[in-house]
Amino acid sequence: MTYTCYQLKFKAESPVFIGSKKIGIIQQTRRYIPGKTMWGAITAKVTRGLIDAGVKYSPALYRDIGKCIENCVKTTYFYPTTNNKGILIPMFTKDYLRYGQMSENEFESTFIKSFVSTSTKGDRGAAKDESLHETEYIINWIKFNGLFEQVYWTGYVFIKSCENSKYSLNNHANFEKIEVECGKYSIKLIDTLKQLFIGGDNRYGFGRLTLISQDVSKDVFGFKIKLDSLKLNINANKPIFSHLKMNDNNKETYIGDIEPLVSRVYGKKGFGRCIAPSGIAFMPGTCFKKEILDIKIKSFGILEKYDSEYS
């Protein structure tokens, strides 16, 4: 079944923190929102929306709806943007890493801020030993040429109609009429997307995004895509827009970096307590010397070399 591709643009109402690696006392933030983070936020809002509509809560509800969203609403990674800077996708070059037309240093000095905190002990609130830490975040307003500019987050979703014995999603040419159903209860997808809470430190007000536009699109970050299969070709010397799994078919000469794909998933131990390794992947922004054909967008926006025998 063919997907419909929409470009979504969210207004950043507050700073965003997406946990990355830790260097010394500094907890770094990713410079983008991974597809799995978006999937988790959408799953949470859809589940709560259906519960509010009358669906009875059960421990497996989030898991089952998560599978429905994973199959029917595939997301790419989302990147920061402003009216003057465009979409700031990373790109590795021979000499340095850049974001859009900004150098890494310029991007970090413009978009990245941090706060310092520590744990306390005792009635006097004394600082605990070795508890001092600094946390990065991406701000929601930047200062450019003496003026403040709003920060937005832009990415894509691919939506198709699908159903199982419990849940269904009915795609529609009008985005505002797309519905998620559970038995006799239904909610509009756009109502769940109007406001999302993304990433860590939500309880402190971080990660609040408001949807401001949803436009049908025929390409994804400048790549032409086949909407019946979600396949595309990676052009030579053009940065990839999400992680690309490494395998024997795509070990081409590249400029970029690699890292292990590891996530926390739902399991018997509870939410986020099961570690799910997914192999080694090229990082967003990596460029290849040669064109790579037949790349498929898989769950959570991760790219993978298409293999007709297994896909």
Protein backbone atom coordinates (compact mmCIF):
# COMPACT_ATOMS: atom_id res chain seq x y z
CA MET A 1 0.00 0.00 0.00
CA THR A 2 1.29 3.45 -0.92
CA TYR A 3 2.30 5.89 1.79
CA THR A 4 1.51 9.58 1.87
CA CYS A 5 4.51 11.72 2.80
CA TYR A 6 4.04 14.86 4.89
CA GLN A 7 6.61 17.41 5.92
CA LEU A 8 5.89 18.43 9.51
CA LYS A 9 7.15 21.63 11.07
CA PHE A 10 7.02 22.15 14.82
CA LYS A 11 7.58 25.35 16.73
CA ALA A 12 9.95 24.86 19.66
CA GLU A 13 8.09 26.23 22.67
CA SER A 14 10.93 25.26 25.01
CA PRO A 15 14.50 23.93 24.75
CA VAL A 16 15.06 20.32 23.67
CA PHE A 17 17.35 17.78 25.32
CA ILE A 18 18.05 14.46 23.57
CA GLY A 19 20.56 12.45 25.58
CA SER A 20 23.80 11.54 23.84
CA LYS A 21 27.27 10.66 25.14
CA LYS A 22 28.78 11.97 28.35
CA ILE A 23 32.19 13.64 28.43
CA GLY A 24 33.47 14.18 31.94
CA ILE A 25 30.67 15.96 33.80
CA ILE A 26 29.02 17.17 30.56
CA GLN A 27 25.92 15.32 29.34
CA GLN A 28 25.75 16.15 25.64
CA THR A 29 22.56 16.49 23.62
CA ARG A 30 22.09 15.14 20.13
CA ARG A 31 21.82 17.81 17.46
CA TYR A 32 18.66 16.21 16.08
CA ILE A 33 15.57 14.30 17.22
CA PRO A 34 15.85 10.58 16.33
CA GLY A 35 12.91 8.86 14.67
CA LYS A 36 12.47 6.56 17.66
CA THR A 37 12.10 9.55 19.96
CA MET A 38 9.38 10.96 17.69
CA TRP A 39 7.69 7.55 17.55
CA GLY A 40 7.70 7.35 21.35
CA ALA A 41 6.17 10.81 21.71
CA ILE A 42 3.46 10.08 19.12
CA THR A 43 2.70 6.70 20.69
CA ALA A 44 2.29 8.29 24.12
CA LYS A 45 -0.08 10.99 22.82
CA VAL A 46 -2.18 8.56 20.74
CA THR A 47 -2.49 6.14 23.66
CA ARG A 48 -3.56 8.86 26.08
CA GLY A 49 -5.96 10.24 23.48
CA LEU A 50 -7.65 6.86 23.06
CA ILE A 51 -7.87 6.39 26.83
CA ASP A 52 -9.51 9.82 27.12
CA ALA A 53 -11.92 8.78 24.34
CA GLY A 54 -13.01 5.74 26.35
CA VAL A 55 -10.57 2.91 25.62
CA LYS A 56 -9.91 0.88 28.77
CA TYR A 57 -6.32 1.03 29.97
CA SER A 58 -4.29 -2.16 30.13
CA PRO A 59 -0.57 -2.73 30.72
CA ALA A 60 -0.11 -3.78 27.08
CA LEU A 61 -1.95 -0.78 25.63
CA TYR A 62 1.12 1.38 25.02
CA ARG A 63 3.01 -1.55 23.49
CA ASP A 64 0.18 -2.51 21.12
CA ILE A 65 -0.48 1.05 19.98
CA GLY A 66 3.26 1.53 19.58
CA LYS A 67 3.35 -1.35 17.10
CA CYS A 68 0.40 0.17 15.22
CA ILE A 69 2.16 3.55 14.99
CA GLU A 70 5.43 1.88 13.96
CA ASN A 71 3.68 0.16 11.05
CA CYS A 72 1.39 2.98 9.93
CA VAL A 73 3.18 6.24 10.82
CA LYS A 74 6.87 6.05 10.00
CA THR A 75 8.93 9.08 10.96
CA THR A 76 12.27 10.45 9.84
CA TYR A 77 14.70 12.26 12.09
CA PHE A 78 13.85 15.90 12.82
CA TYR A 79 16.31 18.78 12.56
CA PRO A 80 16.38 22.35 13.87
CA THR A 81 15.65 25.16 11.46
CA THR A 82 15.00 28.91 11.43
CA ASN A 83 13.54 31.19 8.81
CA ASN A 84 17.04 32.31 7.79
CA LYS A 85 19.12 29.16 8.28
CA GLY A 86 17.08 26.45 6.55
CA ILE A 87 17.07 22.83 7.77
CA LEU A 88 20.32 22.24 9.65
CA ILE A 89 21.24 18.68 8.65
CA PRO A 90 24.80 17.72 9.61
CA MET A 91 27.34 17.10 6.84
CA PHE A 92 30.82 15.68 7.25
CA THR A 93 33.40 17.17 4.90
CA LYS A 94 37.07 16.36 4.43
CA ASP A 95 38.09 19.06 6.89
CA TYR A 96 35.23 19.55 9.33
CA LEU A 97 31.61 18.91 10.31
CA ARG A 98 29.02 21.50 9.39
CA TYR A 99 25.28 22.02 9.89
CA GLY A 100 23.65 23.46 6.79
CA GLN A 101 25.96 26.35 5.93
CA MET A 102 27.14 26.74 9.54
CA SER A 103 30.40 25.38 10.89
CA GLU A 104 30.18 23.08 13.90
CA ASN A 105 31.55 25.81 16.18
CA GLU A 106 29.09 28.37 14.81
CA PHE A 107 26.17 25.95 15.23
CA GLU A 108 27.11 25.06 18.79
CA SER A 109 27.69 28.66 19.87
CA THR A 110 24.33 29.66 18.34
CA PHE A 111 22.04 26.75 19.22
CA ILE A 112 23.59 24.91 22.18
CA LYS A 113 23.40 26.11 25.78
CA SER A 114 23.82 24.28 29.07
CA PHE A 115 23.00 24.39 32.76
CA VAL A 116 24.90 23.08 35.76
CA SER A 117 23.26 21.20 38.63
CA THR A 118 24.18 18.98 41.53
CA SER A 119 22.55 16.61 43.99
CA THR A 120 22.22 17.70 47.60
CA LYS A 121 22.29 15.94 50.94
CA GLY A 122 21.32 16.72 54.49
CA ASP A 123 19.07 19.41 55.92
CA ARG A 124 21.44 22.18 54.89
CA GLY A 125 21.30 21.24 51.23
CA ALA A 126 25.02 20.61 50.93
CA ALA A 127 26.22 19.33 47.56
CA LYS A 128 26.87 15.62 47.27
CA ASP A 129 30.42 14.64 46.43
CA GLU A 130 31.05 14.04 42.70
CA SER A 131 27.44 14.88 41.79
CA LEU A 132 28.13 18.10 39.86
CA HIS A 133 27.05 17.75 36.22
CA GLU A 134 26.39 19.95 33.21
CA THR A 135 23.57 19.29 30.73
CA GLU A 136 23.44 20.61 27.17
CA TYR A 137 20.22 21.52 25.37
CA ILE A 138 19.12 23.07 22.07
CA ILE A 139 17.51 26.43 22.68
CA ASN A 140 14.17 27.52 21.23
CA TRP A 141 15.28 31.07 20.37
CA ILE A 142 18.57 32.13 18.80
CA LYS A 143 20.15 35.55 18.39
CA PHE A 144 21.17 36.34 14.81
CA ASN A 145 22.46 39.71 13.60
CA GLY A 146 21.24 41.30 16.82
CA LEU A 147 17.70 39.95 16.43
CA PHE A 148 15.99 36.98 18.08
CA GLU A 149 14.73 34.18 15.82
CA GLN A 150 12.33 31.36 16.60
CA VAL A 151 13.70 27.81 16.32
CA TYR A 152 11.60 25.14 14.59
CA TRP A 153 11.98 21.39 14.11
CA THR A 154 11.35 19.92 10.65
CA GLY A 155 11.06 16.33 9.46
CA TYR A 156 8.75 13.93 7.63
CA VAL A 157 6.16 11.24 8.36
CA PHE A 158 4.93 8.50 6.04
CA ILE A 159 1.35 7.45 6.64
CA LYS A 160 -0.66 4.57 5.23
CA SER A 161 -3.93 2.88 6.15
CA CYS A 162 -3.51 -0.34 8.11
CA GLU A 163 -5.40 -2.40 10.62
CA ASN A 164 -5.17 -5.43 12.87
CA SER A 165 -7.62 -7.13 15.17
CA LYS A 166 -7.45 -4.31 17.73
CA TYR A 167 -6.36 -1.05 16.11
CA SER A 168 -6.52 0.65 12.74
CA LEU A 169 -5.38 3.84 11.09
CA ASN A 170 -7.41 5.33 8.26
CA ASN A 171 -5.29 7.47 5.94
CA HIS A 172 -6.92 10.38 4.13
CA ALA A 173 -5.90 12.93 1.50
CA ASN A 174 -6.77 15.59 4.09
CA PHE A 175 -4.28 15.28 6.97
CA GLU A 176 -6.82 16.65 9.42
CA LYS A 177 -9.16 13.70 8.74
CA ILE A 178 -6.68 10.88 9.44
CA GLU A 179 -8.02 8.79 12.33
CA VAL A 180 -6.72 6.14 14.71
CA GLU A 181 -9.40 3.68 15.83
CA CYS A 182 -9.74 1.14 18.62
CA GLY A 183 -13.07 -0.66 18.51
CA LYS A 184 -15.83 1.95 18.62
CA TYR A 185 -13.46 4.70 19.73
CA SER A 186 -11.46 6.94 17.43
CA ILE A 187 -9.33 10.07 17.57
CA LYS A 188 -7.86 12.33 14.91
CA LEU A 189 -4.12 11.97 14.46
CA ILE A 190 -3.64 15.71 14.09
CA ASP A 191 -5.11 16.27 17.56
CA THR A 192 -2.33 14.15 19.05
CA LEU A 193 0.35 15.95 17.05
CA LYS A 194 -0.73 19.49 17.88
CA GLN A 195 1.57 19.41 20.88
CA LEU A 196 4.29 16.86 21.60
CA PHE A 197 6.74 16.48 24.45
CA ILE A 198 10.11 15.29 23.19
CA GLY A 199 13.23 13.93 24.83
CA GLY A 200 14.43 14.16 28.41
CA ASP A 201 13.65 16.49 31.31
CA ASN A 202 10.00 16.92 30.24
CA ARG A 203 9.07 17.39 33.88
CA TYR A 204 11.13 20.59 33.88
CA GLY A 205 9.37 21.96 30.80
CA PHE A 206 11.85 20.80 28.17
CA GLY A 207 10.87 19.42 24.77
CA ARG A 208 7.50 21.10 24.18
CA LEU A 209 6.75 21.32 20.44
CA THR A 210 3.68 22.77 18.70
CA LEU A 211 2.72 21.65 15.18
CA ILE A 212 2.41 24.63 12.82
CA SER A 213 2.31 23.02 9.35
CA GLN A 214 1.80 19.66 7.65
CA ASP A 215 2.38 19.69 3.89
CA VAL A 216 2.29 16.83 1.39
CA SER A 217 5.77 16.23 0.00
CA LYS A 218 7.25 14.11 -2.80
CA ASP A 219 10.81 14.19 -1.53
CA VAL A 220 12.58 13.84 1.81
CA PHE A 221 15.35 16.32 2.63
CA GLY A 222 15.95 16.66 -1.11
CA PHE A 223 15.93 12.90 -1.85
CA LYS A 224 13.38 11.46 -4.26
CA ILE A 225 11.53 8.56 -2.66
CA LYS A 226 9.28 5.76 -3.90
CA LEU A 227 6.20 5.97 -1.72
CA ASP A 228 5.06 2.40 -2.40
CA SER A 229 8.24 0.94 -0.93
CA LEU A 230 9.94 3.84 0.92
CA LYS A 231 13.06 3.21 -1.17
CA LEU A 232 15.53 5.84 -2.31
CA ASN A 233 19.05 6.20 -3.65
CA ILE A 234 21.76 7.94 -1.67
CA ASN A 235 23.51 10.37 -4.00
CA ALA A 236 27.28 10.60 -3.98
CA ASN A 237 28.65 13.27 -1.64
CA LYS A 238 25.21 14.05 -0.21
CA PRO A 239 24.74 13.67 3.57
CA ILE A 240 22.44 10.96 4.87
CA PHE A 241 19.56 12.27 7.00
CA SER A 242 19.50 9.48 9.59
CA HIS A 243 21.51 6.46 10.69
CA LEU A 244 22.32 4.00 7.90
CA LYS A 245 22.95 0.46 9.08
CA MET A 246 26.33 -0.87 8.06
CA ASN A 247 26.50 -4.20 6.25
CA ASP A 248 28.58 -5.95 3.60
CA ASN A 249 26.65 -4.18 0.83
CA ASN A 250 27.39 -0.58 1.82
CA LYS A 251 30.98 -0.52 3.03
CA GLU A 252 31.83 2.18 0.51
CA THR A 253 34.43 4.90 0.94
CA TYR A 254 32.86 7.54 3.12
CA ILE A 255 33.49 10.77 5.00
CA GLY A 256 31.77 10.66 8.36
CA ASP A 257 31.55 8.53 11.44
CA ILE A 258 29.97 5.35 12.78
CA GLU A 259 28.43 4.39 16.10
CA PRO A 260 26.51 1.48 17.64
CA LEU A 261 22.72 1.69 17.50
CA VAL A 262 21.44 0.96 20.99
CA SER A 263 18.04 1.81 22.44
CA ARG A 264 15.96 1.15 25.53
CA VAL A 265 12.68 -0.64 24.92
CA TYR A 266 9.63 -1.93 26.78
CA GLY A 267 10.04 -5.36 28.34
CA LYS A 268 9.11 -7.49 31.34
CA LYS A 269 11.35 -5.33 33.53
CA GLY A 270 9.34 -2.21 32.63
CA PHE A 271 9.62 0.82 30.36
CA GLY A 272 13.12 1.51 29.08
CA ARG A 273 14.77 -1.21 31.14
CA CYS A 274 15.59 -3.56 28.26
CA ILE A 275 18.60 -2.75 26.09
CA ALA A 276 18.13 -3.43 22.37
CA PRO A 277 21.35 -3.32 20.30
CA SER A 278 20.76 -2.96 16.55
CA GLY A 279 24.24 -3.17 15.08
CA ILE A 280 26.65 -0.53 13.79
CA ALA A 281 25.48 2.41 11.68
CA PHE A 282 26.81 5.39 9.79
CA MET A 283 25.88 8.58 11.61
CA PRO A 284 23.61 11.29 10.14
CA GLY A 285 25.66 13.61 7.95
CA THR A 286 27.93 10.88 6.58
CA CYS A 287 28.69 11.24 2.84
CA PHE A 288 29.66 8.44 0.45
CA LYS A 289 32.01 8.73 -2.51
CA LYS A 290 29.71 6.64 -4.71
CA GLU A 291 25.94 6.52 -5.10
CA ILE A 292 24.26 3.79 -3.05
CA LEU A 293 21.15 2.30 -4.63
CA ASP A 294 18.04 0.78 -3.06
CA ILE A 295 18.12 2.19 0.45
CA LYS A 296 14.93 1.67 2.43
CA ILE A 297 13.49 3.75 5.26
CA LYS A 298 12.74 1.26 8.01
CA SER A 299 11.15 1.62 11.43
CA PHE A 300 12.05 4.80 13.35
CA GLY A 301 13.52 6.42 10.24
CA ILE A 302 16.62 4.23 10.17
CA LEU A 303 18.05 3.61 6.69
CA GLU A 304 19.01 0.14 5.55
CA LYS A 305 20.30 -1.39 2.33
CA TYR A 306 17.33 -3.10 0.65
CA ASP A 307 17.64 -6.87 0.23
CA SER A 308 14.75 -8.40 -1.71
CA GLU A 309 15.40 -11.79 -0.12
CA TYR A 310 14.67 -10.53 3.40
CA SER A 311 12.79 -7.20 3.06
